Protein backbone atom coordinates (compact mmCIF):
# COMPACT_ATOMS: atom_id res chain seq x y z
CA MET A 1 79.22 128.63 44.62
CA ALA A 2 77.74 125.07 45.57
CA GLN A 3 77.91 123.14 48.81
CA SER A 4 76.91 119.85 50.01
CA GLY A 5 76.24 119.19 53.67
CA ARG A 6 73.97 119.91 56.67
CA ALA A 7 74.28 122.73 59.47
CA SER A 8 76.88 121.78 62.09
CA VAL A 9 78.22 118.51 60.20
CA PRO A 10 81.24 119.22 57.89
CA GLY A 11 80.84 118.94 54.24
CA THR A 12 82.08 119.88 51.00
CA ALA A 13 82.03 122.92 48.83
CA TRP A 14 83.21 124.98 46.07
CA GLN A 15 83.34 128.48 44.69
CA SER A 16 84.51 130.09 41.36
CA TRP A 17 84.51 133.66 40.28
CA ARG A 18 83.78 132.07 36.87
CA ALA A 19 80.90 130.25 35.73
CA ALA A 20 80.82 126.86 36.73
CA THR A 21 78.61 124.02 36.72
CA ASN A 22 77.90 121.59 39.43
CA ARG A 23 78.27 118.01 38.10
CA CYS A 24 77.87 115.76 41.17
CA SER A 25 77.06 116.35 44.52
CA SER A 26 77.85 112.90 45.89
CA LEU A 27 80.53 110.33 45.43
CA PRO A 28 78.62 107.82 42.94
CA GLY A 29 78.25 104.14 43.91
CA ASN A 30 76.23 104.10 46.99
CA PRO A 31 72.75 105.55 47.00
CA GLN A 32 72.46 105.18 50.34
CA ASP A 33 75.53 107.12 51.52
CA HIS A 34 74.14 110.65 52.53
CA GLN A 35 77.31 111.86 53.94
CA ALA A 36 78.53 115.07 51.98
CA ARG A 37 82.04 114.07 51.30
CA TYR A 38 82.46 114.52 47.88
CA ILE A 39 81.23 117.25 45.00
CA GLU A 40 82.48 118.21 41.84
CA ALA A 41 82.00 121.05 39.11
CA ALA A 42 83.08 122.09 35.92
CA VAL A 43 84.90 125.52 35.26
CA ASN A 44 86.03 126.57 31.94
CA GLY A 45 86.49 122.55 30.98
CA VAL A 46 88.34 121.68 34.06
CA LEU A 47 86.77 119.37 36.52
CA ILE A 48 87.31 120.02 40.22
CA ALA A 49 86.28 118.00 42.88
CA SER A 50 86.34 118.62 46.58
CA ILE A 51 86.51 115.71 49.22
CA TYR A 52 86.12 115.37 52.96
CA LEU A 53 87.76 111.95 53.72
CA PRO A 54 86.37 109.83 56.40
CA HIS A 55 88.49 109.24 59.23
CA GLY A 56 87.52 105.65 59.89
CA ASN A 57 88.54 105.02 63.34
CA PRO A 58 88.54 102.72 65.24
CA GLN A 59 89.77 99.80 63.73
CA PRO A 60 88.45 97.35 63.31
CA GLY A 61 84.68 98.51 63.25
CA PRO A 62 81.97 99.85 61.08
CA LYS A 63 83.67 103.39 60.57
CA PHE A 64 86.75 101.99 59.40
CA SER A 65 84.77 99.52 57.05
CA TYR A 66 82.98 102.48 55.76
CA LYS A 67 86.39 104.34 54.93
CA LEU A 68 87.60 101.26 53.01
CA ALA A 69 84.34 101.01 50.77
CA TRP A 70 84.65 104.89 50.29
CA PHE A 71 88.06 104.86 49.13
CA GLU A 72 87.03 102.01 46.75
CA ARG A 73 84.24 104.24 45.33
CA LEU A 74 86.67 107.19 44.95
CA ILE A 75 89.36 105.09 42.86
CA THR A 76 86.28 104.05 40.98
CA ARG A 77 85.17 107.40 40.08
CA ALA A 78 88.84 108.66 39.35
CA ALA A 79 89.02 105.75 36.98
CA ASP A 80 85.65 106.60 35.29
CA LEU A 81 86.94 110.20 34.97
CA MET A 82 90.22 109.36 33.34
C-alpha cells in the first residue's frame, strides 16, 4: 500500500495484494505543486494510477486556473505513458 497526502486533507492511495512498486507520488510537470492528487504504481507489469481531481470553483479564479493547468499536466503524463 502507498499513499500521498496529509492528515485531514484528501489525497490519493493504492493498495494491492500482490507485490507492487510505487512509481510516482505526484503528477509531473510542476515541482511546486504539493497537493496530493496523483499516485501511480506498477503491479505485475500493469501501471495503475489514482487521481483526485481538482474541483476548480469558482470560475474565473485561481482555483479554476489551477484545475486547467492540472488537466494539461495529466494529459501530458498520459501521452508520455502511451
